[in-house]
PDB file of N, CA and C in Angstrom:
ATOM      1  N   MET A   1      -3.683 -16.901 -21.592  1.00  0.00           N
ATOM      2  CA  MET A   1      -3.631 -15.798 -20.013  1.00  0.00           C
ATOM      3  C   MET A   1      -3.881 -15.137 -20.143  1.00  0.00           C
ATOM      4  N   THR A   2      -4.684 -14.409 -18.741  1.00  0.00           N
ATOM      5  CA  THR A   2      -5.359 -13.497 -18.841  1.00  0.00           C
ATOM      6  C   THR A   2      -4.455 -12.134 -18.250  1.00  0.00           C
ATOM      7  N   GLU A   3      -5.010 -11.327 -19.284  1.00  0.00           N
ATOM      8  CA  GLU A   3      -4.644  -9.714 -19.017  1.00  0.00           C
ATOM      9  C   GLU A   3      -4.745  -8.970 -18.174  1.00  0.00           C
ATOM     10  N   ILE A   4      -3.697  -8.246 -17.301  1.00  0.00           N
ATOM     11  CA  ILE A   4      -4.460  -7.297 -16.202  1.00  0.00           C
ATOM     12  C   ILE A   4      -4.707  -5.979 -17.180  1.00  0.00           C
ATOM     13  N   GLU A   5      -5.660  -5.495 -17.376  1.00  0.00           N
ATOM     14  CA  GLU A   5      -5.963  -4.129 -17.630  1.00  0.00           C
ATOM     15  C   GLU A   5      -6.362  -3.317 -16.338  1.00  0.00           C
ATOM     16  N   ARG A   6      -5.552  -1.699 -16.651  1.00  0.00           N
ATOM     17  CA  ARG A   6      -5.841  -0.778 -16.006  1.00  0.00           C
ATOM     18  C   ARG A   6      -6.673  -0.023 -17.266  1.00  0.00           C
ATOM     19  N   HIS A   7      -7.689   0.739 -16.131  1.00  0.00           N
ATOM     20  CA  HIS A   7      -8.521   2.070 -16.480  1.00  0.00           C
ATOM     21  C   HIS A   7      -7.810   3.106 -16.035  1.00  0.00           C
ATOM     22  N   HIS A   8      -8.353   4.743 -16.783  1.00  0.00           N
ATOM     23  CA  HIS A   8      -7.958   5.503 -15.281  1.00  0.00           C
ATOM     24  C   HIS A   8      -7.432   5.673 -15.064  1.00  0.00           C
ATOM     25  N   THR A   9      -5.615   5.580 -16.173  1.00  0.00           N
ATOM     26  CA  THR A   9      -4.763   5.443 -14.633  1.00  0.00           C
ATOM     27  C   THR A   9      -3.573   6.800 -15.301  1.00  0.00           C
ATOM     28  N   SER A  10      -3.282   7.235 -13.922  1.00  0.00           N
ATOM     29  CA  SER A  10      -2.638   8.739 -13.769  1.00  0.00           C
ATOM     30  C   SER A  10      -0.603   7.373 -13.354  1.00  0.00           C
ATOM     31  N   GLU A  11      -0.065   8.956 -13.613  1.00  0.00           N
ATOM     32  CA  GLU A  11       1.875   8.042 -13.113  1.00  0.00           C
ATOM     33  C   GLU A  11       1.513   7.514 -11.447  1.00  0.00           C
ATOM     34  N   ARG A  12       0.612   8.345 -10.623  1.00  0.00           N
ATOM     35  CA  ARG A  12       0.315   7.496  -9.609  1.00  0.00           C
ATOM     36  C   ARG A  12      -0.659   6.077  -9.037  1.00  0.00           C
ATOM     37  N   MET A  13      -1.283   5.808  -9.874  1.00  0.00           N
ATOM     38  CA  MET A  13      -2.781   4.819 -10.067  1.00  0.00           C
ATOM     39  C   MET A  13      -3.827   4.833 -10.807  1.00  0.00           C
ATOM     40  N   SER A  14      -4.435   3.580 -10.390  1.00  0.00           N
ATOM     41  CA  SER A  14      -5.562   2.884 -12.310  1.00  0.00           C
ATOM     42  C   SER A  14      -6.782   2.985 -11.633  1.00  0.00           C
ATOM     43  N   GLN A  15      -7.502   3.755 -11.748  1.00  0.00           N
ATOM     44  CA  GLN A  15      -9.436   4.568 -11.168  1.00  0.00           C
ATOM     45  C   GLN A  15      -9.677   2.639 -11.087  1.00  0.00           C
ATOM     46  N   ILE A  16      -9.524   2.177 -12.391  1.00  0.00           N
ATOM     47  CA  ILE A  16      -9.748   0.254 -12.301  1.00  0.00           C
ATOM     48  C   ILE A  16      -9.471  -0.407 -12.322  1.00  0.00           C
ATOM     49  N   VAL A  17      -8.614  -1.594 -11.975  1.00  0.00           N
ATOM     50  CA  VAL A  17      -8.138  -2.444 -12.400  1.00  0.00           C
ATOM     51  C   VAL A  17      -8.943  -3.813 -12.680  1.00  0.00           C
ATOM     52  N   THR A  18      -8.866  -4.740 -13.452  1.00  0.00           N
ATOM     53  CA  THR A  18      -8.949  -5.877 -14.039  1.00  0.00           C
ATOM     54  C   THR A  18      -8.513  -6.952 -14.096  1.00  0.00           C
ATOM     55  N   TYR A  19      -8.676  -8.183 -13.450  1.00  0.00           N
ATOM     56  CA  TYR A  19      -7.810  -9.889 -14.030  1.00  0.00           C
ATOM     57  C   TYR A  19      -8.788 -10.658 -14.481  1.00  0.00           C
ATOM     58  N   GLY A  20      -9.219 -10.849 -15.100  1.00  0.00           N
ATOM     59  CA  GLY A  20     -10.037 -11.734 -15.619  1.00  0.00           C
ATOM     60  C   GLY A  20     -11.351 -11.393 -15.128  1.00  0.00           C
ATOM     61  N   ASN A  21     -12.024 -11.995 -14.338  1.00  0.00           N
ATOM     62  CA  ASN A  21     -13.169 -11.320 -14.045  1.00  0.00           C
ATOM     63  C   ASN A  21     -13.742 -10.784 -12.652  1.00  0.00           C
ATOM     64  N   MET A  22     -12.195  -9.990 -12.103  1.00  0.00           N
ATOM     65  CA  MET A  22     -11.903  -9.576 -10.776  1.00  0.00           C
ATOM     66  C   MET A  22     -11.897  -8.568 -11.056  1.00  0.00           C
ATOM     67  N   ILE A  23     -12.629  -7.325  -9.925  1.00  0.00           N
ATOM     68  CA  ILE A  23     -12.339  -5.638 -10.450  1.00  0.00           C
ATOM     69  C   ILE A  23     -11.876  -5.205  -9.137  1.00  0.00           C
ATOM     70  N   TYR A  24     -11.433  -4.216  -9.126  1.00  0.00           N
ATOM     71  CA  TYR A  24      -9.901  -3.714  -8.492  1.00  0.00           C
ATOM     72  C   TYR A  24     -10.531  -1.981  -8.422  1.00  0.00           C
ATOM     73  N   LEU A  25     -11.280  -1.458  -7.233  1.00  0.00           N
ATOM     74  CA  LEU A  25     -11.062  -0.755  -7.428  1.00  0.00           C
ATOM     75  C   LEU A  25     -10.580   0.525  -6.976  1.00  0.00           C
ATOM     76  N   ALA A  26      -9.745   1.588  -7.343  1.00  0.00           N
ATOM     77  CA  ALA A  26      -8.908   2.776  -6.150  1.00  0.00           C
ATOM     78  C   ALA A  26     -10.339   3.449  -4.827  1.00  0.00           C
ATOM     79  N   GLY A  27      -9.370   3.609  -4.019  1.00  0.00           N
ATOM     80  CA  GLY A  27      -9.800   3.701  -2.846  1.00  0.00           C
ATOM     81  C   GLY A  27     -11.205   5.181  -3.545  1.00  0.00           C
ATOM     82  N   GLN A  28     -12.326   5.425  -3.189  1.00  0.00           N
ATOM     83  CA  GLN A  28     -12.716   6.835  -4.192  1.00  0.00           C
ATOM     84  C   GLN A  28     -13.384   7.273  -2.744  1.00  0.00           C
ATOM     85  N   VAL A  29     -13.141   9.103  -2.959  1.00  0.00           N
ATOM     86  CA  VAL A  29     -13.863   9.512  -1.791  1.00  0.00           C
ATOM     87  C   VAL A  29     -14.694  11.028  -2.927  1.00  0.00           C
ATOM     88  N   ALA A  30     -15.245  11.905  -2.673  1.00  0.00           N
ATOM     89  CA  ALA A  30     -16.147  12.562  -2.747  1.00  0.00           C
ATOM     90  C   ALA A  30     -15.923  13.899  -2.807  1.00  0.00           C
ATOM     91  N   ALA A  31     -16.189  15.015  -3.099  1.00  0.00           N
ATOM     92  CA  ALA A  31     -16.508  16.512  -3.123  1.00  0.00           C
ATOM     93  C   ALA A  31     -15.705  16.378  -1.768  1.00  0.00           C
ATOM     94  N   PRO A  32     -14.946  17.246  -1.162  1.00  0.00           N
ATOM     95  CA  PRO A  32     -14.058  17.712   0.086  1.00  0.00           C
ATOM     96  C   PRO A  32     -14.739  18.607   0.393  1.00  0.00           C
ATOM     97  N   GLY A  33     -15.058  18.459   1.724  1.00  0.00           N
ATOM     98  CA  GLY A  33     -15.826  19.208   2.760  1.00  0.00           C
ATOM     99  C   GLY A  33     -17.617  19.482   2.594  1.00  0.00           C
ATOM    100  N   ALA A  34     -17.277  18.179   1.909  1.00  0.00           N
ATOM    101  CA  ALA A  34     -19.412  18.284   2.045  1.00  0.00           C
ATOM    102  C   ALA A  34     -19.247  17.536   3.175  1.00  0.00           C
ATOM    103  N   SER A  35     -20.228  17.363   3.424  1.00  0.00           N
ATOM    104  CA  SER A  35     -21.512  15.924   4.936  1.00  0.00           C
ATOM    105  C   SER A  35     -20.674  15.119   4.691  1.00  0.00           C
ATOM    106  N   VAL A  36     -20.428  14.599   5.596  1.00  0.00           N
ATOM    107  CA  VAL A  36     -20.402  13.311   5.489  1.00  0.00           C
ATOM    108  C   VAL A  36     -21.121  11.912   4.437  1.00  0.00           C
ATOM    109  N   THR A  37     -22.591  12.649   5.003  1.00  0.00           N
ATOM    110  CA  THR A  37     -23.544  11.647   4.066  1.00  0.00           C
ATOM    111  C   THR A  37     -23.650  12.445   2.634  1.00  0.00           C
ATOM    112  N   GLU A  38     -23.429  13.540   2.154  1.00  0.00           N
ATOM    113  CA  GLU A  38     -22.622  13.940   0.628  1.00  0.00           C
ATOM    114  C   GLU A  38     -21.725  13.105   0.262  1.00  0.00           C
ATOM    115  N   GLN A  39     -20.965  12.537   0.936  1.00  0.00           N
ATOM    116  CA  GLN A  39     -19.713  12.279   0.191  1.00  0.00           C
ATOM    117  C   GLN A  39     -19.984  11.056   0.185  1.00  0.00           C
ATOM    118  N   THR A  40     -20.427  10.326   0.963  1.00  0.00           N
ATOM    119  CA  THR A  40     -20.288   9.133   1.202  1.00  0.00           C
ATOM    120  C   THR A  40     -22.043   8.704  -0.236  1.00  0.00           C
ATOM    121  N   GLN A  41     -23.089   9.731  -0.653  1.00  0.00           N
ATOM    122  CA  GLN A  41     -23.354   9.236  -1.447  1.00  0.00           C
ATOM    123  C   GLN A  41     -22.896   9.618  -2.624  1.00  0.00           C
ATOM    124  N   GLY A  42     -21.872  10.400  -2.698  1.00  0.00           N
ATOM    125  CA  GLY A  42     -21.498  10.772  -3.825  1.00  0.00           C
ATOM    126  C   GLY A  42     -19.882   9.372  -4.075  1.00  0.00           C
ATOM    127  N   ILE A  43     -19.628   9.347  -3.084  1.00  0.00           N
ATOM    128  CA  ILE A  43     -19.174   7.741  -3.578  1.00  0.00           C
ATOM    129  C   ILE A  43     -19.306   6.625  -3.887  1.00  0.00           C
ATOM    130  N   LEU A  44     -20.361   6.430  -4.020  1.00  0.00           N
ATOM    131  CA  LEU A  44     -21.193   5.711  -4.153  1.00  0.00           C
ATOM    132  C   LEU A  44     -21.820   5.976  -5.458  1.00  0.00           C
ATOM    133  N   ASP A  45     -22.533   6.894  -5.972  1.00  0.00           N
ATOM    134  CA  ASP A  45     -22.659   7.372  -7.032  1.00  0.00           C
ATOM    135  C   ASP A  45     -21.267   6.510  -8.443  1.00  0.00           C
ATOM    136  N   LYS A  46     -19.940   7.107  -7.482  1.00  0.00           N
ATOM    137  CA  LYS A  46     -18.818   6.973  -8.326  1.00  0.00           C
ATOM    138  C   LYS A  46     -18.349   5.421  -8.846  1.00  0.00           C
ATOM    139  N   ILE A  47     -18.818   5.621  -7.552  1.00  0.00           N
ATOM    140  CA  ILE A  47     -18.515   3.645  -7.774  1.00  0.00           C
ATOM    141  C   ILE A  47     -19.903   2.850  -8.535  1.00  0.00           C
ATOM    142  N   ASP A  48     -20.599   3.097  -8.230  1.00  0.00           N
ATOM    143  CA  ASP A  48     -22.012   2.367  -9.111  1.00  0.00           C
ATOM    144  C   ASP A  48     -21.246   2.533 -10.825  1.00  0.00           C
ATOM    145  N   ALA A  49     -20.801   4.362 -10.978  1.00  0.00           N
ATOM    146  CA  ALA A  49     -19.994   4.633 -12.214  1.00  0.00           C
ATOM    147  C   ALA A  49     -19.374   4.152 -12.710  1.00  0.00           C
ATOM    148  N   LEU A  50     -17.774   3.540 -12.083  1.00  0.00           N
ATOM    149  CA  LEU A  50     -16.810   2.204 -12.087  1.00  0.00           C
ATOM    150  C   LEU A  50     -16.996   1.601 -12.514  1.00  0.00           C
ATOM    151  N   LEU A  51     -18.015   0.441 -11.655  1.00  0.00           N
ATOM    152  CA  LEU A  51     -18.457  -0.551 -11.400  1.00  0.00           C
ATOM    153  C   LEU A  51     -18.988  -1.072 -13.227  1.00  0.00           C
ATOM    154  N   ALA A  52     -19.492  -0.198 -13.394  1.00  0.00           N
ATOM    155  CA  ALA A  52     -20.517  -0.199 -14.654  1.00  0.00           C
ATOM    156  C   ALA A  52     -19.537  -0.324 -16.225  1.00  0.00           C
ATOM    157  N   GLU A  53     -18.935   0.731 -15.804  1.00  0.00           N
ATOM    158  CA  GLU A  53     -17.617   0.606 -16.842  1.00  0.00           C
ATOM    159  C   GLU A  53     -17.414  -0.635 -17.283  1.00  0.00           C
ATOM    160  N   ALA A  54     -16.907  -1.142 -16.236  1.00  0.00           N
ATOM    161  CA  ALA A  54     -16.152  -2.407 -15.592  1.00  0.00           C
ATOM    162  C   ALA A  54     -16.456  -3.746 -16.076  1.00  0.00           C
ATOM    163  N   GLY A  55     -18.184  -2.973 -16.220  1.00  0.00           N
ATOM    164  CA  GLY A  55     -19.060  -4.999 -16.382  1.00  0.00           C
ATOM    165  C   GLY A  55     -19.349  -5.575 -14.900  1.00  0.00           C
ATOM    166  N   SER A  56     -19.913  -4.471 -14.555  1.00  0.00           N
ATOM    167  CA  SER A  56     -20.434  -5.063 -13.409  1.00  0.00           C
ATOM    168  C   SER A  56     -20.884  -3.922 -12.637  1.00  0.00           C
ATOM    169  N   SER A  57     -21.790  -5.242 -10.751  1.00  0.00           N
ATOM    170  CA  SER A  57     -22.003  -3.729 -10.519  1.00  0.00           C
ATOM    171  C   SER A  57     -22.295  -3.801  -9.239  1.00  0.00           C
ATOM    172  N   LYS A  58     -22.636  -3.739  -8.645  1.00  0.00           N
ATOM    173  CA  LYS A  58     -22.972  -3.087  -6.601  1.00  0.00           C
ATOM    174  C   LYS A  58     -23.806  -4.679  -6.360  1.00  0.00           C
ATOM    175  N   GLU A  59     -24.744  -5.060  -7.216  1.00  0.00           N
ATOM    176  CA  GLU A  59     -24.572  -6.789  -7.156  1.00  0.00           C
ATOM    177  C   GLU A  59     -23.778  -7.546  -6.827  1.00  0.00           C
ATOM    178  N   ASN A  60     -22.244  -7.660  -7.225  1.00  0.00           N
ATOM    179  CA  ASN A  60     -21.432  -7.857  -7.715  1.00  0.00           C
ATOM    180  C   ASN A  60     -20.373  -7.714  -6.006  1.00  0.00           C
ATOM    181  N   ILE A  61     -20.347  -6.627  -5.426  1.00  0.00           N
ATOM    182  CA  ILE A  61     -19.091  -6.546  -4.955  1.00  0.00           C
ATOM    183  C   ILE A  61     -19.192  -7.823  -3.603  1.00  0.00           C
ATOM    184  N   LEU A  62     -17.622  -7.515  -3.264  1.00  0.00           N
ATOM    185  CA  LEU A  62     -17.098  -9.173  -2.585  1.00  0.00           C
ATOM    186  C   LEU A  62     -16.669  -8.070  -1.051  1.00  0.00           C
ATOM    187  N   GLN A  63     -16.161  -7.241  -1.154  1.00  0.00           N
ATOM    188  CA  GLN A  63     -15.251  -6.597  -0.198  1.00  0.00           C
ATOM    189  C   GLN A  63     -15.184  -4.834  -0.405  1.00  0.00           C
ATOM    190  N   ALA A  64     -15.709  -4.665   0.892  1.00  0.00           N
ATOM    191  CA  ALA A  64     -15.420  -3.301   0.860  1.00  0.00           C
ATOM    192  C   ALA A  64     -14.879  -2.834   2.167  1.00  0.00           C
ATOM    193  N   ILE A  65     -13.800  -2.038   2.174  1.00  0.00           N
ATOM    194  CA  ILE A  65     -13.418  -1.009   3.178  1.00  0.00           C
ATOM    195  C   ILE A  65     -13.128   0.332   2.996  1.00  0.00           C
ATOM    196  N   ILE A  66     -13.963   0.552   4.100  1.00  0.00           N
ATOM    197  CA  ILE A  66     -14.325   1.715   4.771  1.00  0.00           C
ATOM    198  C   ILE A  66     -13.256   2.425   4.988  1.00  0.00           C
ATOM    199  N   TRP A  67     -12.747   4.313   5.074  1.00  0.00           N
ATOM    200  CA  TRP A  67     -12.414   4.629   6.122  1.00  0.00           C
ATOM    201  C   TRP A  67     -13.058   5.891   6.589  1.00  0.00           C
ATOM    202  N   LEU A  68     -13.134   6.146   7.845  1.00  0.00           N
ATOM    203  CA  LEU A  68     -13.555   7.361   8.577  1.00  0.00           C
ATOM    204  C   LEU A  68     -12.692   8.201   8.654  1.00  0.00           C
ATOM    205  N   ALA A  69     -13.038   9.158   8.505  1.00  0.00           N
ATOM    206  CA  ALA A  69     -11.206  10.003   9.012  1.00  0.00           C
ATOM    207  C   ALA A  69     -11.602  10.488  10.699  1.00  0.00           C
ATOM    208  N   SER A  70     -12.933  10.365  10.846  1.00  0.00           N
ATOM    209  CA  SER A  70     -13.809   9.651  12.575  1.00  0.00           C
ATOM    210  C   SER A  70     -14.676   8.926  12.383  1.00  0.00           C
ATOM    211  N   MET A  71     -14.662   8.092  13.665  1.00  0.00           N
ATOM    212  CA  MET A  71     -15.406   6.901  13.899  1.00  0.00           C
ATOM    213  C   MET A  71     -16.355   7.716  14.241  1.00  0.00           C
ATOM    214  N   ASP A  72     -16.936   8.492  14.506  1.00  0.00           N
ATOM    215  CA  ASP A  72     -17.661   9.900  15.390  1.00  0.00           C
ATOM    216  C   ASP A  72     -19.039   9.493  14.192  1.00  0.00           C
ATOM    217  N   ASP A  73     -17.952   9.588  13.061  1.00  0.00           N
ATOM    218  CA  ASP A  73     -19.173   9.713  11.796  1.00  0.00           C
ATOM    219  C   ASP A  73     -19.663   7.902  11.483  1.00  0.00           C
ATOM    220  N   PHE A  74     -19.401   7.438  12.034  1.00  0.00           N
ATOM    221  CA  PHE A  74     -19.948   5.945  11.706  1.00  0.00           C
ATOM    222  C   PHE A  74     -21.794   6.136  11.382  1.00  0.00           C
ATOM    223  N   ALA A  75     -22.360   5.815  12.495  1.00  0.00           N
ATOM    224  CA  ALA A  75     -23.733   5.336  12.229  1.00  0.00           C
ATOM    225  C   ALA A  75     -24.527   6.387  10.710  1.00  0.00           C
ATOM    226  N   GLU A  76     -23.376   7.933  10.439  1.00  0.00           N
ATOM    227  CA  GLU A  76     -24.136   8.675   9.442  1.00  0.00           C
ATOM    228  C   GLU A  76     -23.883   7.975   8.267  1.00  0.00           C
ATOM    229  N   MET A  77     -22.205   7.558   8.168  1.00  0.00           N
ATOM    230  CA  MET A  77     -22.565   7.030   6.954  1.00  0.00           C
ATOM    231  C   MET A  77     -22.942   5.328   6.456  1.00  0.00           C
ATOM    232  N   ASN A  78     -23.326   4.632   7.502  1.00  0.00           N
ATOM    233  CA  ASN A  78     -23.984   3.358   7.681  1.00  0.00           C
ATOM    234  C   ASN A  78     -25.347   4.041   7.240  1.00  0.00           C
ATOM    235  N   ALA A  79     -26.066   5.268   7.929  1.00  0.00           N
ATOM    236  CA  ALA A  79     -27.213   5.121   7.250  1.00  0.00           C
ATOM    237  C   ALA A  79     -27.022   5.431   5.513  1.00  0.00           C
ATOM    238  N   VAL A  80     -26.367   5.613   4.608  1.00  0.00           N
ATOM    239  CA  VAL A  80     -26.442   6.170   3.348  1.00  0.00           C
ATOM    240  C   VAL A  80     -25.747   4.719   2.574  1.00  0.00           C
ATOM    241  N   TRP A  81     -25.297   4.190   3.041  1.00  0.00           N
ATOM    242  CA  TRP A  81     -24.763   2.498   2.846  1.00  0.00           C
ATOM    243  C   TRP A  81     -25.990   1.682   3.045  1.00  0.00           C
ATOM    244  N   ASP A  82     -26.365   1.825   3.658  1.00  0.00           N
ATOM    245  CA  ASP A  82     -27.360   0.227   4.529  1.00  0.00           C
ATOM    246  C   ASP A  82     -28.352   0.577   3.039  1.00  0.00           C
ATOM    247  N   ALA A  83     -28.582   2.003   3.109  1.00  0.00           N
ATOM    248  CA  ALA A  83     -29.774   1.914   1.852  1.00  0.00           C
ATOM    249  C   ALA A  83     -29.431   1.795   0.412  1.00  0.00           C
ATOM    250  N   TRP A  84     -28.325   2.329   0.744  1.00  0.00           N
ATOM    251  CA  TRP A  84     -27.362   2.029  -1.004  1.00  0.00           C
ATOM    252  C   TRP A  84     -27.237   0.326  -1.331  1.00  0.00           C
ATOM    253  N   VAL A  85     -26.739  -0.559  -0.519  1.00  0.00           N
ATOM    254  CA  VAL A  85     -26.818  -1.998  -0.740  1.00  0.00           C
ATOM    255  C   VAL A  85     -27.755  -2.323  -1.066  1.00  0.00           C
ATOM    256  N   PRO A  86     -28.101  -3.678  -2.265  1.00  0.00           N
ATOM    257  CA  PRO A  86     -29.396  -4.461  -2.323  1.00  0.00           C
ATOM    258  C   PRO A  86     -29.668  -5.107  -1.171  1.00  0.00           C
ATOM    259  N   ALA A  87     -30.772  -5.316  -0.681  1.00  0.00           N
ATOM    260  CA  ALA A  87     -30.449  -6.726  -0.031  1.00  0.00           C
ATOM    261  C   ALA A  87     -30.598  -7.745  -0.436  1.00  0.00           C
ATOM    262  N   GLY A  88     -29.818  -8.205   0.781  1.00  0.00           N
ATOM    263  CA  GLY A  88     -29.436  -9.547   0.414  1.00  0.00           C
ATOM    264  C   GLY A  88     -27.694 -10.183  -0.560  1.00  0.00           C
ATOM    265  N   LYS A  89     -27.343  -8.973  -0.489  1.00  0.00           N
ATOM    266  CA  LYS A  89     -25.895  -8.747  -0.989  1.00  0.00           C
ATOM    267  C   LYS A  89     -25.260  -8.343  -0.863  1.00  0.00           C
ATOM    268  N   ALA A  90     -25.026  -8.557   0.337  1.00  0.00           N
ATOM    269  CA  ALA A  90     -23.874  -7.168   1.593  1.00  0.00           C
ATOM    270  C   ALA A  90     -22.787  -8.069   1.203  1.00  0.00           C
ATOM    271  N   PRO A  91     -21.784  -6.871   0.610  1.00  0.00           N
ATOM    272  CA  PRO A  91     -20.030  -7.764   0.245  1.00  0.00           C
ATOM    273  C   PRO A  91     -19.720  -7.603   2.096  1.00  0.00           C
ATOM    274  N   THR A  92     -18.450  -8.773   1.994  1.00  0.00           N
ATOM    275  CA  THR A  92     -17.782  -8.719   3.067  1.00  0.00           C
ATOM    276  C   THR A  92     -17.265  -7.000   3.641  1.00  0.00           C
ATOM    277  N   ARG A  93     -17.231  -6.687   4.309  1.00  0.00           N
ATOM    278  CA  ARG A  93     -17.316  -4.991   4.438  1.00  0.00           C
ATOM    279  C   ARG A  93     -16.040  -5.214   6.551  1.00  0.00           C
ATOM    280  N   ALA A  94     -15.057  -4.538   5.983  1.00  0.00           N
ATOM    281  CA  ALA A  94     -14.360  -3.544   6.995  1.00  0.00           C
ATOM    282  C   ALA A  94     -13.859  -1.894   7.292  1.00  0.00           C
ATOM    283  N   CYS A  95     -14.337  -1.217   8.447  1.00  0.00           N
ATOM    284  CA  CYS A  95     -14.445   0.008   9.017  1.00  0.00           C
ATOM    285  C   CYS A  95     -13.499   0.415   9.640  1.00  0.00           C
ATOM    286  N   GLY A  96     -13.039   1.446   9.426  1.00  0.00           N
ATOM    287  CA  GLY A  96     -11.488   2.189  10.339  1.00  0.00           C
ATOM    288  C   GLY A  96     -11.820   3.675  10.297  1.00  0.00           C
ATOM    289  N   GLY A  97     -11.090   3.717  11.078  1.00  0.00           N
ATOM    290  CA  GLY A  97     -11.020   5.264  11.197  1.00  0.00           C
ATOM    291  C   GLY A  97      -9.023   5.667  10.886  1.00  0.00           C
ATOM    292  N   ALA A  98      -8.882   6.625   9.767  1.00  0.00           N
ATOM    293  CA  ALA A  98      -7.453   7.190   9.645  1.00  0.00           C
ATOM    294  C   ALA A  98      -7.361   8.787   9.542  1.00  0.00           C
ATOM    295  N   PRO A  99      -6.681   9.028   9.051  1.00  0.00           N
ATOM    296  CA  PRO A  99      -6.353  10.381   8.788  1.00  0.00           C
ATOM    297  C   PRO A  99      -6.508   9.741   7.594  1.00  0.00           C
ATOM    298  N   LEU A 100      -7.054  10.883   6.185  1.00  0.00           N
ATOM    299  CA  LEU A 100      -7.482  10.722   4.743  1.00  0.00           C
ATOM    300  C   LEU A 100      -6.491  11.330   3.911  1.00  0.00           C
ATOM    301  N   ALA A 101      -6.587  11.730   2.784  1.00  0.00           N
ATOM    302  CA  ALA A 101      -5.583  12.765   2.562  1.00  0.00           C
ATOM    303  C   ALA A 101      -5.536  14.446   2.826  1.00  0.00           C
ATOM    304  N   THR A 102      -6.467  14.755   2.451  1.00  0.00           N
ATOM    305  CA  THR A 102      -6.472  15.178   3.333  1.00  0.00           C
ATOM    306  C   THR A 102      -8.331  16.404   4.015  1.00  0.00           C
ATOM    307  N   PRO A 103      -7.720  16.617   5.152  1.00  0.00           N
ATOM    308  CA  PRO A 103      -8.744  17.487   6.231  1.00  0.00           C
ATOM    309  C   PRO A 103     -10.379  17.714   5.596  1.00  0.00           C
ATOM    310  N   ASP A 104     -10.377  17.681   4.953  1.00  0.00           N
ATOM    311  CA  ASP A 104     -11.970  17.866   4.470  1.00  0.00           C
ATOM    312  C   ASP A 104     -12.359  16.619   3.248  1.00  0.00           C
ATOM    313  N   TYR A 105     -11.474  15.885   3.485  1.00  0.00           N
ATOM    314  CA  TYR A 105     -11.706  14.250   3.042  1.00  0.00           C
ATOM    315  C   TYR A 105     -12.800  13.585   5.328  1.00  0.00           C
ATOM    316  N   LYS A 106     -13.879  13.026   4.480  1.00  0.00           N
ATOM    317  CA  LYS A 106     -14.237  12.589   5.516  1.00  0.00           C
ATOM    318  C   LYS A 106     -14.232  10.540   5.446  1.00  0.00           C
ATOM    319  N   VAL A 107     -14.428  10.651   3.474  1.00  0.00           N
ATOM    320  CA  VAL A 107     -15.306   8.959   3.933  1.00  0.00           C
ATOM    321  C   VAL A 107     -14.069   8.796   2.373  1.00  0.00           C
ATOM    322  N   GLU A 108     -13.202   7.817   2.366  1.00  0.00           N
ATOM    323  CA  GLU A 108     -12.857   6.652   1.329  1.00  0.00           C
ATOM    324  C   GLU A 108     -13.651   5.466   1.777  1.00  0.00           C
ATOM    325  N   ILE A 109     -13.587   4.479   0.188  1.00  0.00           N
ATOM    326  CA  ILE A 109     -14.375   3.521   0.375  1.00  0.00           C
ATOM    327  C   ILE A 109     -13.261   2.617  -0.996  1.00  0.00           C
ATOM    328  N   ILE A 110     -13.351   1.071  -0.646  1.00  0.00           N
ATOM    329  CA  ILE A 110     -11.888   1.291  -1.865  1.00  0.00           C
ATOM    330  C   ILE A 110     -12.718  -0.584  -2.042  1.00  0.00           C
ATOM    331  N   ILE A 111     -13.317  -0.736  -2.923  1.00  0.00           N
ATOM    332  CA  ILE A 111     -14.112  -2.019  -3.476  1.00  0.00           C
ATOM    333  C   ILE A 111     -13.632  -3.107  -4.774  1.00  0.00           C
ATOM    334  N   THR A 112     -13.444  -4.167  -4.225  1.00  0.00           N
ATOM    335  CA  THR A 112     -13.759  -5.544  -4.373  1.00  0.00           C
ATOM    336  C   THR A 112     -14.352  -5.777  -5.422  1.00  0.00           C
ATOM    337  N   ALA A 113     -14.743  -6.533  -6.217  1.00  0.00           N
ATOM    338  CA  ALA A 113     -16.061  -6.933  -6.896  1.00  0.00           C
ATOM    339  C   ALA A 113     -15.878  -7.870  -8.345  1.00  0.00           C
ATOM    340  N   VAL A 114     -16.389  -8.763  -8.778  1.00  0.00           N
ATOM    341  CA  VAL A 114     -17.029  -9.477  -9.637  1.00  0.00           C
ATOM    342  C   VAL A 114     -17.520  -9.236 -11.616  1.00  0.00           C
ATOM    343  N   ARG A 115     -17.172  -9.214 -12.317  1.00  0.00           N
ATOM    344  CA  ARG A 115     -17.858  -8.796 -13.428  1.00  0.00           C
ATOM    345  C   ARG A 115     -19.021  -9.582 -13.520  1.00  0.00           C
ATOM    346  N   SER A 116     -20.242  -8.991 -14.294  1.00  0.00           N
ATOM    347  CA  SER A 116     -20.999  -9.792 -13.942  1.00  0.00           C
ATOM    348  C   SER A 116     -21.738 -11.105 -14.785  1.00  0.00           C
TER     349      SER A 116
END
């Protein structure tokens, strides 16, 4: 039987949960108050590191869910996202607007991937 593994776990949540070859990342945020570009890049850097720790990479992302505090920032976030996603390996994706944990967060990204 495959076991569920949890990494970087607190009382509230785990940053990584794996089950078999599946990898689930918690919603990732970056330095509060930074620009949308800086927050998006910071989040993507964190995603790269967490996926590597779980034995995977951005080439193996199945789905991304992106929350923006303001949909006015859609194009700015997409400029960073589009440069980061490997050519021909874009995951399924949803992007919506929602209030985030604090007004200083502008972007949050949730990832589902598989191990390499």
